[in-house]
Amino acid sequence: MRDLGVDALIEQQPAPPDEYAVQLVRGVEEHGADVDELLRKFSEHWALERMPAVDRAVLRLGAYELGWEPDVPSAVVISEAVELAKQYSTKDSGRFVNGLLSRIAAELRPTGAAGAAES
């Protein structure tokens, strides 16, 4: 949203960010076109550009983890993304993020791709 590169964004943080957070942000930047293609392929009736900005950011992180961080269990990726969306976005965002990431997980990780339960 601020149109900054990853390095500039990291440098502007008041405290050094967690190493894994930096790894995720760098991964999304490096694989951005592939991540966005996954989101476009599996979103139903939603253009990526029309999604709320927070949902889009959370989905990009989750899709990156599902596609390029195989050591993180699918259920953990989805659950954490759902919680972020519920806390920082719209009232329906948790369900939306859960559904979209679950479809991506089912494609990329056919075994153990169960979605997070909506609480």
PDB file of N, CA and C in Angstrom:
ATOM      1  N   MET A   1       0.823  -1.193   0.000  1.00  0.00           N
ATOM      2  CA  MET A   1       0.000   0.000   0.000  1.00  0.00           C
ATOM      3  C   MET A   1       0.868   1.257   0.000  1.00  0.00           C
ATOM      4  N   ARG A   2       2.052   1.139   0.599  1.00  0.00           N
ATOM      5  CA  ARG A   2       2.934   2.307   0.676  1.00  0.00           C
ATOM      6  C   ARG A   2       3.899   2.346  -0.490  1.00  0.00           C
ATOM      7  N   ASP A   3       3.824   1.391  -1.376  1.00  0.00           N
ATOM      8  CA  ASP A   3       4.653   1.347  -2.583  1.00  0.00           C
ATOM      9  C   ASP A   3       6.142   1.413  -2.247  1.00  0.00           C
ATOM     10  N   LEU A   4       6.530   0.609  -1.247  1.00  0.00           N
ATOM     11  CA  LEU A   4       7.931   0.513  -0.850  1.00  0.00           C
ATOM     12  C   LEU A   4       8.446  -0.879  -1.183  1.00  0.00           C
ATOM     13  N   GLY A   5       9.720  -0.975  -1.474  1.00  0.00           N
ATOM     14  CA  GLY A   5      10.344  -2.278  -1.615  1.00  0.00           C
ATOM     15  C   GLY A   5      10.502  -2.930  -0.254  1.00  0.00           C
ATOM     16  N   VAL A   6      10.772  -4.210  -0.258  1.00  0.00           N
ATOM     17  CA  VAL A   6      10.897  -4.954   0.991  1.00  0.00           C
ATOM     18  C   VAL A   6      11.995  -4.382   1.877  1.00  0.00           C
ATOM     19  N   ASP A   7      13.150  -4.107   1.305  1.00  0.00           N
ATOM     20  CA  ASP A   7      14.256  -3.596   2.122  1.00  0.00           C
ATOM     21  C   ASP A   7      13.908  -2.270   2.788  1.00  0.00           C
ATOM     22  N   ALA A   8      13.297  -1.364   2.041  1.00  0.00           N
ATOM     23  CA  ALA A   8      12.911  -0.066   2.604  1.00  0.00           C
ATOM     24  C   ALA A   8      11.861  -0.248   3.698  1.00  0.00           C
ATOM     25  N   LEU A   9      10.915  -1.131   3.470  1.00  0.00           N
ATOM     26  CA  LEU A   9       9.874  -1.395   4.465  1.00  0.00           C
ATOM     27  C   LEU A   9      10.478  -1.956   5.747  1.00  0.00           C
ATOM     28  N   ILE A  10      11.391  -2.900   5.614  1.00  0.00           N
ATOM     29  CA  ILE A  10      12.030  -3.511   6.790  1.00  0.00           C
ATOM     30  C   ILE A  10      12.848  -2.472   7.552  1.00  0.00           C
ATOM     31  N   GLU A  11      13.568  -1.628   6.829  1.00  0.00           N
ATOM     32  CA  GLU A  11      14.393  -0.602   7.467  1.00  0.00           C
ATOM     33  C   GLU A  11      13.555   0.405   8.253  1.00  0.00           C
ATOM     34  N   GLN A  12      12.312   0.624   7.848  1.00  0.00           N
ATOM     35  CA  GLN A  12      11.464   1.616   8.507  1.00  0.00           C
ATOM     36  C   GLN A  12      10.780   1.086   9.772  1.00  0.00           C
ATOM     37  N   GLN A  13      10.926  -0.183  10.058  1.00  0.00           N
ATOM     38  CA  GLN A  13      10.264  -0.737  11.240  1.00  0.00           C
ATOM     39  C   GLN A  13      10.945  -0.226  12.512  1.00  0.00           C
ATOM     40  N   PRO A  14      10.150   0.071  13.542  1.00  0.00           N
ATOM     41  CA  PRO A  14      10.740   0.603  14.778  1.00  0.00           C
ATOM     42  C   PRO A  14      11.581  -0.429  15.525  1.00  0.00           C
ATOM     43  N   ALA A  15      11.310  -1.712  15.303  1.00  0.00           N
ATOM     44  CA  ALA A  15      12.099  -2.797  15.899  1.00  0.00           C
ATOM     45  C   ALA A  15      12.367  -3.820  14.813  1.00  0.00           C
ATOM     46  N   PRO A  16      13.468  -4.524  14.909  1.00  0.00           N
ATOM     47  CA  PRO A  16      13.749  -5.528  13.882  1.00  0.00           C
ATOM     48  C   PRO A  16      12.634  -6.578  13.829  1.00  0.00           C
ATOM     49  N   PRO A  17      12.101  -6.845  12.637  1.00  0.00           N
ATOM     50  CA  PRO A  17      11.038  -7.832  12.531  1.00  0.00           C
ATOM     51  C   PRO A  17      11.576  -9.252  12.712  1.00  0.00           C
ATOM     52  N   ASP A  18      10.689 -10.150  13.056  1.00  0.00           N
ATOM     53  CA  ASP A  18      11.008 -11.566  13.188  1.00  0.00           C
ATOM     54  C   ASP A  18      11.604 -12.075  11.880  1.00  0.00           C
ATOM     55  N   GLU A  19      12.603 -12.938  11.974  1.00  0.00           N
ATOM     56  CA  GLU A  19      13.272 -13.464  10.780  1.00  0.00           C
ATOM     57  C   GLU A  19      12.300 -14.175   9.834  1.00  0.00           C
ATOM     58  N   TYR A  20      11.365 -14.928  10.396  1.00  0.00           N
ATOM     59  CA  TYR A  20      10.423 -15.646   9.533  1.00  0.00           C
ATOM     60  C   TYR A  20       9.488 -14.666   8.827  1.00  0.00           C
ATOM     61  N   ALA A  21       9.107 -13.603   9.492  1.00  0.00           N
ATOM     62  CA  ALA A  21       8.269 -12.584   8.844  1.00  0.00           C
ATOM     63  C   ALA A  21       9.004 -11.979   7.652  1.00  0.00           C
ATOM     64  N   VAL A  22      10.288 -11.704   7.817  1.00  0.00           N
ATOM     65  CA  VAL A  22      11.094 -11.167   6.718  1.00  0.00           C
ATOM     66  C   VAL A  22      11.170 -12.191   5.590  1.00  0.00           C
ATOM     67  N   GLN A  23      11.377 -13.455   5.941  1.00  0.00           N
ATOM     68  CA  GLN A  23      11.434 -14.525   4.936  1.00  0.00           C
ATOM     69  C   GLN A  23      10.130 -14.592   4.139  1.00  0.00           C
ATOM     70  N   LEU A  24       8.997 -14.460   4.821  1.00  0.00           N
ATOM     71  CA  LEU A  24       7.705 -14.492   4.140  1.00  0.00           C
ATOM     72  C   LEU A  24       7.543 -13.305   3.193  1.00  0.00           C
ATOM     73  N   VAL A  25       7.867 -12.125   3.678  1.00  0.00           N
ATOM     74  CA  VAL A  25       7.713 -10.927   2.849  1.00  0.00           C
ATOM     75  C   VAL A  25       8.622 -11.007   1.624  1.00  0.00           C
ATOM     76  N   ARG A  26       9.838 -11.453   1.825  1.00  0.00           N
ATOM     77  CA  ARG A  26      10.757 -11.605   0.691  1.00  0.00           C
ATOM     78  C   ARG A  26      10.257 -12.677  -0.277  1.00  0.00           C
ATOM     79  N   GLY A  27       9.712 -13.758   0.257  1.00  0.00           N
ATOM     80  CA  GLY A  27       9.188 -14.825  -0.588  1.00  0.00           C
ATOM     81  C   GLY A  27       8.005 -14.374  -1.421  1.00  0.00           C
ATOM     82  N   VAL A  28       7.110 -13.610  -0.805  1.00  0.00           N
ATOM     83  CA  VAL A  28       5.955 -13.091  -1.551  1.00  0.00           C
ATOM     84  C   VAL A  28       6.437 -12.145  -2.646  1.00  0.00           C
ATOM     85  N   GLU A  29       7.429 -11.322  -2.326  1.00  0.00           N
ATOM     86  CA  GLU A  29       7.948 -10.412  -3.346  1.00  0.00           C
ATOM     87  C   GLU A  29       8.599 -11.196  -4.496  1.00  0.00           C
ATOM     88  N   GLU A  30       9.405 -12.181  -4.160  1.00  0.00           N
ATOM     89  CA  GLU A  30      10.125 -12.955  -5.179  1.00  0.00           C
ATOM     90  C   GLU A  30       9.179 -13.777  -6.063  1.00  0.00           C
ATOM     91  N   HIS A  31       8.139 -14.329  -5.472  1.00  0.00           N
ATOM     92  CA  HIS A  31       7.220 -15.214  -6.200  1.00  0.00           C
ATOM     93  C   HIS A  31       5.852 -14.561  -6.419  1.00  0.00           C
ATOM     94  N   GLY A  32       5.815 -13.243  -6.374  1.00  0.00           N
ATOM     95  CA  GLY A  32       4.556 -12.513  -6.431  1.00  0.00           C
ATOM     96  C   GLY A  32       3.658 -12.872  -7.601  1.00  0.00           C
ATOM     97  N   ALA A  33       4.214 -12.989  -8.784  1.00  0.00           N
ATOM     98  CA  ALA A  33       3.391 -13.302  -9.960  1.00  0.00           C
ATOM     99  C   ALA A  33       2.764 -14.692  -9.833  1.00  0.00           C
ATOM    100  N   ASP A  34       3.541 -15.661  -9.347  1.00  0.00           N
ATOM    101  CA  ASP A  34       3.011 -17.017  -9.172  1.00  0.00           C
ATOM    102  C   ASP A  34       1.970 -17.072  -8.050  1.00  0.00           C
ATOM    103  N   VAL A  35       2.232 -16.345  -6.973  1.00  0.00           N
ATOM    104  CA  VAL A  35       1.279 -16.285  -5.859  1.00  0.00           C
ATOM    105  C   VAL A  35      -0.038 -15.684  -6.332  1.00  0.00           C
ATOM    106  N   ASP A  36       0.035 -14.568  -7.041  1.00  0.00           N
ATOM    107  CA  ASP A  36      -1.186 -13.922  -7.542  1.00  0.00           C
ATOM    108  C   ASP A  36      -1.920 -14.817  -8.535  1.00  0.00           C
ATOM    109  N   GLU A  37      -1.194 -15.566  -9.337  1.00  0.00           N
ATOM    110  CA  GLU A  37      -1.834 -16.489 -10.278  1.00  0.00           C
ATOM    111  C   GLU A  37      -2.607 -17.577  -9.528  1.00  0.00           C
ATOM    112  N   LEU A  38      -2.032 -18.090  -8.441  1.00  0.00           N
ATOM    113  CA  LEU A  38      -2.748 -19.065  -7.610  1.00  0.00           C
ATOM    114  C   LEU A  38      -4.042 -18.461  -7.072  1.00  0.00           C
ATOM    115  N   LEU A  39      -3.951 -17.255  -6.558  1.00  0.00           N
ATOM    116  CA  LEU A  39      -5.128 -16.607  -5.991  1.00  0.00           C
ATOM    117  C   LEU A  39      -6.193 -16.374  -7.057  1.00  0.00           C
ATOM    118  N   ARG A  40      -5.794 -15.954  -8.225  1.00  0.00           N
ATOM    119  CA  ARG A  40      -6.758 -15.751  -9.317  1.00  0.00           C
ATOM    120  C   ARG A  40      -7.403 -17.073  -9.738  1.00  0.00           C
ATOM    121  N   LYS A  41      -6.594 -18.123  -9.805  1.00  0.00           N
ATOM    122  CA  LYS A  41      -7.091 -19.427 -10.246  1.00  0.00           C
ATOM    123  C   LYS A  41      -8.148 -19.989  -9.289  1.00  0.00           C
ATOM    124  N   PHE A  42      -7.949 -19.808  -7.988  1.00  0.00           N
ATOM    125  CA  PHE A  42      -8.819 -20.447  -7.014  1.00  0.00           C
ATOM    126  C   PHE A  42      -9.872 -19.536  -6.387  1.00  0.00           C
ATOM    127  N   SER A  43      -9.813 -18.248  -6.653  1.00  0.00           N
ATOM    128  CA  SER A  43     -10.864 -17.375  -6.125  1.00  0.00           C
ATOM    129  C   SER A  43     -12.111 -17.578  -6.982  1.00  0.00           C
ATOM    130  N   GLU A  44     -13.228 -17.587  -6.336  1.00  0.00           N
ATOM    131  CA  GLU A  44     -14.493 -17.785  -7.040  1.00  0.00           C
ATOM    132  C   GLU A  44     -15.260 -16.471  -7.038  1.00  0.00           C
ATOM    133  N   HIS A  45     -15.443 -15.903  -8.214  1.00  0.00           N
ATOM    134  CA  HIS A  45     -16.214 -14.669  -8.394  1.00  0.00           C
ATOM    135  C   HIS A  45     -15.566 -13.453  -7.749  1.00  0.00           C
ATOM    136  N   TRP A  46     -14.252 -13.482  -7.545  1.00  0.00           N
ATOM    137  CA  TRP A  46     -13.544 -12.348  -6.961  1.00  0.00           C
ATOM    138  C   TRP A  46     -12.301 -12.053  -7.786  1.00  0.00           C
ATOM    139  N   ALA A  47     -12.193 -10.851  -8.297  1.00  0.00           N
ATOM    140  CA  ALA A  47     -10.963 -10.403  -8.939  1.00  0.00           C
ATOM    141  C   ALA A  47      -9.979 -10.034  -7.830  1.00  0.00           C
ATOM    142  N   LEU A  48      -8.736 -10.381  -8.001  1.00  0.00           N
ATOM    143  CA  LEU A  48      -7.713 -10.099  -6.998  1.00  0.00           C
ATOM    144  C   LEU A  48      -7.684  -8.615  -6.648  1.00  0.00           C
ATOM    145  N   GLU A  49      -7.787  -7.774  -7.638  1.00  0.00           N
ATOM    146  CA  GLU A  49      -7.719  -6.328  -7.432  1.00  0.00           C
ATOM    147  C   GLU A  49      -8.916  -5.781  -6.655  1.00  0.00           C
ATOM    148  N   ARG A  50     -10.013  -6.525  -6.612  1.00  0.00           N
ATOM    149  CA  ARG A  50     -11.217  -6.061  -5.913  1.00  0.00           C
ATOM    150  C   ARG A  50     -11.309  -6.574  -4.483  1.00  0.00           C
ATOM    151  N   MET A  51     -10.414  -7.466  -4.102  1.00  0.00           N
ATOM    152  CA  MET A  51     -10.417  -7.978  -2.726  1.00  0.00           C
ATOM    153  C   MET A  51      -9.971  -6.871  -1.780  1.00  0.00           C
ATOM    154  N   PRO A  52     -10.499  -6.865  -0.559  1.00  0.00           N
ATOM    155  CA  PRO A  52      -9.993  -5.901   0.427  1.00  0.00           C
ATOM    156  C   PRO A  52      -8.475  -6.045   0.564  1.00  0.00           C
ATOM    157  N   ALA A  53      -7.781  -4.942   0.737  1.00  0.00           N
ATOM    158  CA  ALA A  53      -6.313  -4.943   0.774  1.00  0.00           C
ATOM    159  C   ALA A  53      -5.758  -5.875   1.846  1.00  0.00           C
ATOM    160  N   VAL A  54      -6.367  -5.895   3.014  1.00  0.00           N
ATOM    161  CA  VAL A  54      -5.879  -6.768   4.082  1.00  0.00           C
ATOM    162  C   VAL A  54      -6.070  -8.226   3.684  1.00  0.00           C
ATOM    163  N   ASP A  55      -7.230  -8.569   3.130  1.00  0.00           N
ATOM    164  CA  ASP A  55      -7.463  -9.949   2.680  1.00  0.00           C
ATOM    165  C   ASP A  55      -6.417 -10.340   1.648  1.00  0.00           C
ATOM    166  N   ARG A  56      -6.163  -9.464   0.702  1.00  0.00           N
ATOM    167  CA  ARG A  56      -5.203  -9.741  -0.359  1.00  0.00           C
ATOM    168  C   ARG A  56      -3.812  -9.986   0.227  1.00  0.00           C
ATOM    169  N   ALA A  57      -3.400  -9.178   1.186  1.00  0.00           N
ATOM    170  CA  ALA A  57      -2.083  -9.340   1.808  1.00  0.00           C
ATOM    171  C   ALA A  57      -2.002 -10.658   2.579  1.00  0.00           C
ATOM    172  N   VAL A  58      -3.031 -10.962   3.345  1.00  0.00           N
ATOM    173  CA  VAL A  58      -3.064 -12.211   4.119  1.00  0.00           C
ATOM    174  C   VAL A  58      -3.074 -13.415   3.179  1.00  0.00           C
ATOM    175  N   LEU A  59      -3.862 -13.333   2.121  1.00  0.00           N
ATOM    176  CA  LEU A  59      -3.923 -14.427   1.153  1.00  0.00           C
ATOM    177  C   LEU A  59      -2.589 -14.629   0.448  1.00  0.00           C
ATOM    178  N   ARG A  60      -1.905 -13.557   0.139  1.00  0.00           N
ATOM    179  CA  ARG A  60      -0.592 -13.683  -0.505  1.00  0.00           C
ATOM    180  C   ARG A  60       0.398 -14.389   0.427  1.00  0.00           C
ATOM    181  N   LEU A  61       0.390 -14.014   1.687  1.00  0.00           N
ATOM    182  CA  LEU A  61       1.271 -14.690   2.647  1.00  0.00           C
ATOM    183  C   LEU A  61       0.926 -16.171   2.753  1.00  0.00           C
ATOM    184  N   GLY A  62      -0.360 -16.469   2.898  1.00  0.00           N
ATOM    185  CA  GLY A  62      -0.789 -17.861   3.031  1.00  0.00           C
ATOM    186  C   GLY A  62      -0.512 -18.680   1.787  1.00  0.00           C
ATOM    187  N   ALA A  63      -0.794 -18.128   0.628  1.00  0.00           N
ATOM    188  CA  ALA A  63      -0.544 -18.855  -0.624  1.00  0.00           C
ATOM    189  C   ALA A  63       0.951 -19.100  -0.805  1.00  0.00           C
ATOM    190  N   TYR A  64       1.767 -18.115  -0.457  1.00  0.00           N
ATOM    191  CA  TYR A  64       3.218 -18.307  -0.531  1.00  0.00           C
ATOM    192  C   TYR A  64       3.641 -19.452   0.384  1.00  0.00           C
ATOM    193  N   GLU A  65       3.171 -19.444   1.622  1.00  0.00           N
ATOM    194  CA  GLU A  65       3.552 -20.510   2.552  1.00  0.00           C
ATOM    195  C   GLU A  65       3.122 -21.879   2.027  1.00  0.00           C
ATOM    196  N   LEU A  66       1.907 -21.966   1.503  1.00  0.00           N
ATOM    197  CA  LEU A  66       1.429 -23.249   0.982  1.00  0.00           C
ATOM    198  C   LEU A  66       2.263 -23.731  -0.197  1.00  0.00           C
ATOM    199  N   GLY A  67       2.708 -22.806  -1.029  1.00  0.00           N
ATOM    200  CA  GLY A  67       3.440 -23.197  -2.220  1.00  0.00           C
ATOM    201  C   GLY A  67       4.940 -23.337  -2.046  1.00  0.00           C
ATOM    202  N   TRP A  68       5.532 -22.570  -1.116  1.00  0.00           N
ATOM    203  CA  TRP A  68       6.988 -22.517  -1.057  1.00  0.00           C
ATOM    204  C   TRP A  68       7.571 -22.780   0.329  1.00  0.00           C
ATOM    205  N   GLU A  69       6.760 -23.044   1.303  1.00  0.00           N
ATOM    206  CA  GLU A  69       7.245 -23.358   2.654  1.00  0.00           C
ATOM    207  C   GLU A  69       6.648 -24.703   3.087  1.00  0.00           C
ATOM    208  N   PRO A  70       7.160 -25.801   2.530  1.00  0.00           N
ATOM    209  CA  PRO A  70       6.541 -27.115   2.757  1.00  0.00           C
ATOM    210  C   PRO A  70       6.606 -27.611   4.197  1.00  0.00           C
ATOM    211  N   ASP A  71       7.494 -27.056   5.018  1.00  0.00           N
ATOM    212  CA  ASP A  71       7.602 -27.514   6.403  1.00  0.00           C
ATOM    213  C   ASP A  71       6.497 -26.973   7.304  1.00  0.00           C
ATOM    214  N   VAL A  72       5.774 -25.972   6.828  1.00  0.00           N
ATOM    215  CA  VAL A  72       4.678 -25.408   7.630  1.00  0.00           C
ATOM    216  C   VAL A  72       3.400 -26.172   7.269  1.00  0.00           C
ATOM    217  N   PRO A  73       2.764 -26.829   8.244  1.00  0.00           N
ATOM    218  CA  PRO A  73       1.555 -27.597   7.951  1.00  0.00           C
ATOM    219  C   PRO A  73       0.433 -26.716   7.376  1.00  0.00           C
ATOM    220  N   SER A  74      -0.308 -27.280   6.444  1.00  0.00           N
ATOM    221  CA  SER A  74      -1.404 -26.548   5.801  1.00  0.00           C
ATOM    222  C   SER A  74      -2.382 -25.983   6.818  1.00  0.00           C
ATOM    223  N   ALA A  75      -2.750 -26.796   7.788  1.00  0.00           N
ATOM    224  CA  ALA A  75      -3.728 -26.344   8.782  1.00  0.00           C
ATOM    225  C   ALA A  75      -3.211 -25.140   9.564  1.00  0.00           C
ATOM    226  N   VAL A  76      -1.920 -25.089   9.822  1.00  0.00           N
ATOM    227  CA  VAL A  76      -1.329 -23.961  10.546  1.00  0.00           C
ATOM    228  C   VAL A  76      -1.366 -22.708   9.671  1.00  0.00           C
ATOM    229  N   VAL A  77      -0.979 -22.849   8.402  1.00  0.00           N
ATOM    230  CA  VAL A  77      -1.011 -21.718   7.473  1.00  0.00           C
ATOM    231  C   VAL A  77      -2.413 -21.135   7.417  1.00  0.00           C
ATOM    232  N   ILE A  78      -3.396 -22.002   7.205  1.00  0.00           N
ATOM    233  CA  ILE A  78      -4.776 -21.550   7.032  1.00  0.00           C
ATOM    234  C   ILE A  78      -5.318 -20.942   8.317  1.00  0.00           C
ATOM    235  N   SER A  79      -5.079 -21.601   9.425  1.00  0.00           N
ATOM    236  CA  SER A  79      -5.585 -21.108  10.710  1.00  0.00           C
ATOM    237  C   SER A  79      -5.035 -19.724  11.044  1.00  0.00           C
ATOM    238  N   GLU A  80      -3.730 -19.533  10.850  1.00  0.00           N
ATOM    239  CA  GLU A  80      -3.133 -18.239  11.153  1.00  0.00           C
ATOM    240  C   GLU A  80      -3.647 -17.153  10.213  1.00  0.00           C
ATOM    241  N   ALA A  81      -3.815 -17.494   8.947  1.00  0.00           N
ATOM    242  CA  ALA A  81      -4.340 -16.518   7.982  1.00  0.00           C
ATOM    243  C   ALA A  81      -5.773 -16.134   8.329  1.00  0.00           C
ATOM    244  N   VAL A  82      -6.574 -17.112   8.705  1.00  0.00           N
ATOM    245  CA  VAL A  82      -7.962 -16.846   9.084  1.00  0.00           C
ATOM    246  C   VAL A  82      -8.008 -15.916  10.290  1.00  0.00           C
ATOM    247  N   GLU A  83      -7.179 -16.167  11.273  1.00  0.00           N
ATOM    248  CA  GLU A  83      -7.159 -15.325  12.470  1.00  0.00           C
ATOM    249  C   GLU A  83      -6.745 -13.893  12.129  1.00  0.00           C
ATOM    250  N   LEU A  84      -5.747 -13.733  11.273  1.00  0.00           N
ATOM    251  CA  LEU A  84      -5.349 -12.384  10.860  1.00  0.00           C
ATOM    252  C   LEU A  84      -6.488 -11.673  10.138  1.00  0.00           C
ATOM    253  N   ALA A  85      -7.142 -12.383   9.241  1.00  0.00           N
ATOM    254  CA  ALA A  85      -8.240 -11.774   8.483  1.00  0.00           C
ATOM    255  C   ALA A  85      -9.396 -11.402   9.400  1.00  0.00           C
ATOM    256  N   LYS A  86      -9.722 -12.273  10.345  1.00  0.00           N
ATOM    257  CA  LYS A  86     -10.825 -11.984  11.270  1.00  0.00           C
ATOM    258  C   LYS A  86     -10.499 -10.775  12.142  1.00  0.00           C
ATOM    259  N   GLN A  87      -9.242 -10.650  12.537  1.00  0.00           N
ATOM    260  CA  GLN A  87      -8.858  -9.564  13.433  1.00  0.00           C
ATOM    261  C   GLN A  87      -8.719  -8.225  12.712  1.00  0.00           C
ATOM    262  N   TYR A  88      -8.210  -8.230  11.479  1.00  0.00           N
ATOM    263  CA  TYR A  88      -7.852  -6.974  10.833  1.00  0.00           C
ATOM    264  C   TYR A  88      -8.679  -6.594   9.613  1.00  0.00           C
ATOM    265  N   SER A  89      -9.620  -7.443   9.199  1.00  0.00           N
ATOM    266  CA  SER A  89     -10.374  -7.121   7.988  1.00  0.00           C
ATOM    267  C   SER A  89     -11.871  -7.154   8.270  1.00  0.00           C
ATOM    268  N   THR A  90     -12.661  -7.492   7.287  1.00  0.00           N
ATOM    269  CA  THR A  90     -14.114  -7.432   7.399  1.00  0.00           C
ATOM    270  C   THR A  90     -14.686  -8.621   8.169  1.00  0.00           C
ATOM    271  N   LYS A  91     -15.958  -8.552   8.504  1.00  0.00           N
ATOM    272  CA  LYS A  91     -16.582  -9.632   9.278  1.00  0.00           C
ATOM    273  C   LYS A  91     -16.648 -10.946   8.509  1.00  0.00           C
ATOM    274  N   ASP A  92     -16.642 -10.903   7.197  1.00  0.00           N
ATOM    275  CA  ASP A  92     -16.701 -12.117   6.382  1.00  0.00           C
ATOM    276  C   ASP A  92     -15.329 -12.579   5.896  1.00  0.00           C
ATOM    277  N   SER A  93     -14.289 -11.854   6.239  1.00  0.00           N
ATOM    278  CA  SER A  93     -12.962 -12.151   5.703  1.00  0.00           C
ATOM    279  C   SER A  93     -12.405 -13.502   6.168  1.00  0.00           C
ATOM    280  N   GLY A  94     -12.650 -13.873   7.399  1.00  0.00           N
ATOM    281  CA  GLY A  94     -12.148 -15.155   7.895  1.00  0.00           C
ATOM    282  C   GLY A  94     -12.655 -16.322   7.065  1.00  0.00           C
ATOM    283  N   ARG A  95     -13.936 -16.315   6.793  1.00  0.00           N
ATOM    284  CA  ARG A  95     -14.541 -17.388   5.993  1.00  0.00           C
ATOM    285  C   ARG A  95     -13.991 -17.366   4.567  1.00  0.00           C
ATOM    286  N   PHE A  96     -13.856 -16.174   3.992  1.00  0.00           N
ATOM    287  CA  PHE A  96     -13.337 -16.028   2.632  1.00  0.00           C
ATOM    288  C   PHE A  96     -11.905 -16.552   2.535  1.00  0.00           C
ATOM    289  N   VAL A  97     -11.040 -16.139   3.451  1.00  0.00           N
ATOM    290  CA  VAL A  97      -9.646 -16.570   3.461  1.00  0.00           C
ATOM    291  C   VAL A  97      -9.557 -18.077   3.677  1.00  0.00           C
ATOM    292  N   ASN A  98     -10.351 -18.594   4.584  1.00  0.00           N
ATOM    293  CA  ASN A  98     -10.362 -20.036   4.851  1.00  0.00           C
ATOM    294  C   ASN A  98     -10.704 -20.816   3.580  1.00  0.00           C
ATOM    295  N   GLY A  99     -11.753 -20.413   2.902  1.00  0.00           N
ATOM    296  CA  GLY A  99     -12.182 -21.128   1.705  1.00  0.00           C
ATOM    297  C   GLY A  99     -11.154 -21.089   0.598  1.00  0.00           C
ATOM    298  N   LEU A 100     -10.605 -19.915   0.342  1.00  0.00           N
ATOM    299  CA  LEU A 100      -9.650 -19.768  -0.758  1.00  0.00           C
ATOM    300  C   LEU A 100      -8.348 -20.514  -0.476  1.00  0.00           C
ATOM    301  N   LEU A 101      -7.804 -20.359   0.717  1.00  0.00           N
ATOM    302  CA  LEU A 101      -6.566 -21.073   1.037  1.00  0.00           C
ATOM    303  C   LEU A 101      -6.784 -22.583   1.126  1.00  0.00           C
ATOM    304  N   SER A 102      -7.961 -23.006   1.551  1.00  0.00           N
ATOM    305  CA  SER A 102      -8.248 -24.450   1.589  1.00  0.00           C
ATOM    306  C   SER A 102      -8.257 -25.036   0.182  1.00  0.00           C
ATOM    307  N   ARG A 103      -8.822 -24.299  -0.781  1.00  0.00           N
ATOM    308  CA  ARG A 103      -8.815 -24.776  -2.170  1.00  0.00           C
ATOM    309  C   ARG A 103      -7.386 -24.842  -2.711  1.00  0.00           C
ATOM    310  N   ILE A 104      -6.580 -23.849  -2.393  1.00  0.00           N
ATOM    311  CA  ILE A 104      -5.186 -23.848  -2.840  1.00  0.00           C
ATOM    312  C   ILE A 104      -4.435 -25.014  -2.200  1.00  0.00           C
ATOM    313  N   ALA A 105      -4.636 -25.210  -0.907  1.00  0.00           N
ATOM    314  CA  ALA A 105      -3.962 -26.309  -0.207  1.00  0.00           C
ATOM    315  C   ALA A 105      -4.353 -27.663  -0.787  1.00  0.00           C
ATOM    316  N   ALA A 106      -5.617 -27.831  -1.119  1.00  0.00           N
ATOM    317  CA  ALA A 106      -6.071 -29.100  -1.690  1.00  0.00           C
ATOM    318  C   ALA A 106      -5.375 -29.386  -3.013  1.00  0.00           C
ATOM    319  N   GLU A 107      -5.061 -28.356  -3.764  1.00  0.00           N
ATOM    320  CA  GLU A 107      -4.364 -28.512  -5.043  1.00  0.00           C
ATOM    321  C   GLU A 107      -2.864 -28.732  -4.848  1.00  0.00           C
ATOM    322  N   LEU A 108      -2.247 -27.916  -4.003  1.00  0.00           N
ATOM    323  CA  LEU A 108      -0.792 -27.966  -3.851  1.00  0.00           C
ATOM    324  C   LEU A 108      -0.320 -29.043  -2.897  1.00  0.00           C
ATOM    325  N   ARG A 109      -1.151 -29.362  -1.917  1.00  0.00           N
ATOM    326  CA  ARG A 109      -0.778 -30.340  -0.882  1.00  0.00           C
ATOM    327  C   ARG A 109      -1.954 -31.305  -0.690  1.00  0.00           C
ATOM    328  N   PRO A 110      -2.182 -32.180  -1.636  1.00  0.00           N
ATOM    329  CA  PRO A 110      -3.394 -33.015  -1.594  1.00  0.00           C
ATOM    330  C   PRO A 110      -3.540 -33.881  -0.328  1.00  0.00           C
ATOM    331  N   THR A 111      -2.451 -34.210   0.331  1.00  0.00           N
ATOM    332  CA  THR A 111      -2.571 -34.946   1.587  1.00  0.00           C
ATOM    333  C   THR A 111      -2.435 -33.974   2.739  1.00  0.00           C
ATOM    334  N   GLY A 112      -3.362 -34.022   3.653  1.00  0.00           N
ATOM    335  CA  GLY A 112      -3.324 -33.150   4.821  1.00  0.00           C
ATOM    336  C   GLY A 112      -3.686 -31.712   4.521  1.00  0.00           C
ATOM    337  N   ALA A 113      -4.580 -31.481   3.571  1.00  0.00           N
ATOM    338  CA  ALA A 113      -4.921 -30.108   3.181  1.00  0.00           C
ATOM    339  C   ALA A 113      -6.201 -29.615   3.821  1.00  0.00           C
ATOM    340  N   ALA A 114      -6.603 -30.206   4.918  1.00  0.00           N
ATOM    341  CA  ALA A 114      -7.847 -29.792   5.560  1.00  0.00           C
ATOM    342  C   ALA A 114      -7.772 -28.335   5.986  1.00  0.00           C
ATOM    343  N   GLY A 115      -8.850 -27.617   5.769  1.00  0.00           N
ATOM    344  CA  GLY A 115      -8.919 -26.207   6.121  1.00  0.00           C
ATOM    345  C   GLY A 115      -9.081 -26.000   7.608  1.00  0.00           C
ATOM    346  N   ALA A 116      -8.889 -24.785   8.018  1.00  0.00           N
ATOM    347  CA  ALA A 116      -9.043 -24.421   9.419  1.00  0.00           C
ATOM    348  C   ALA A 116     -10.520 -24.304   9.743  1.00  0.00           C
ATOM    349  N   ALA A 117     -10.881 -24.745  10.914  1.00  0.00           N
ATOM    350  CA  ALA A 117     -12.264 -24.630  11.343  1.00  0.00           C
ATOM    351  C   ALA A 117     -12.583 -23.180  11.652  1.00  0.00           C
ATOM    352  N   GLU A 118     -13.705 -22.723  11.194  1.00  0.00           N
ATOM    353  CA  GLU A 118     -14.164 -21.356  11.462  1.00  0.00           C
ATOM    354  C   GLU A 118     -14.789 -21.339  12.851  1.00  0.00           C
ATOM    355  N   SER A 119     -14.265 -20.509  13.736  1.00  0.00           N
ATOM    356  CA  SER A 119     -14.814 -20.480  15.100  1.00  0.00           C
ATOM    357  C   SER A 119     -15.743 -19.323  15.285  1.00  0.00           C
TER     358      SER A 119
END
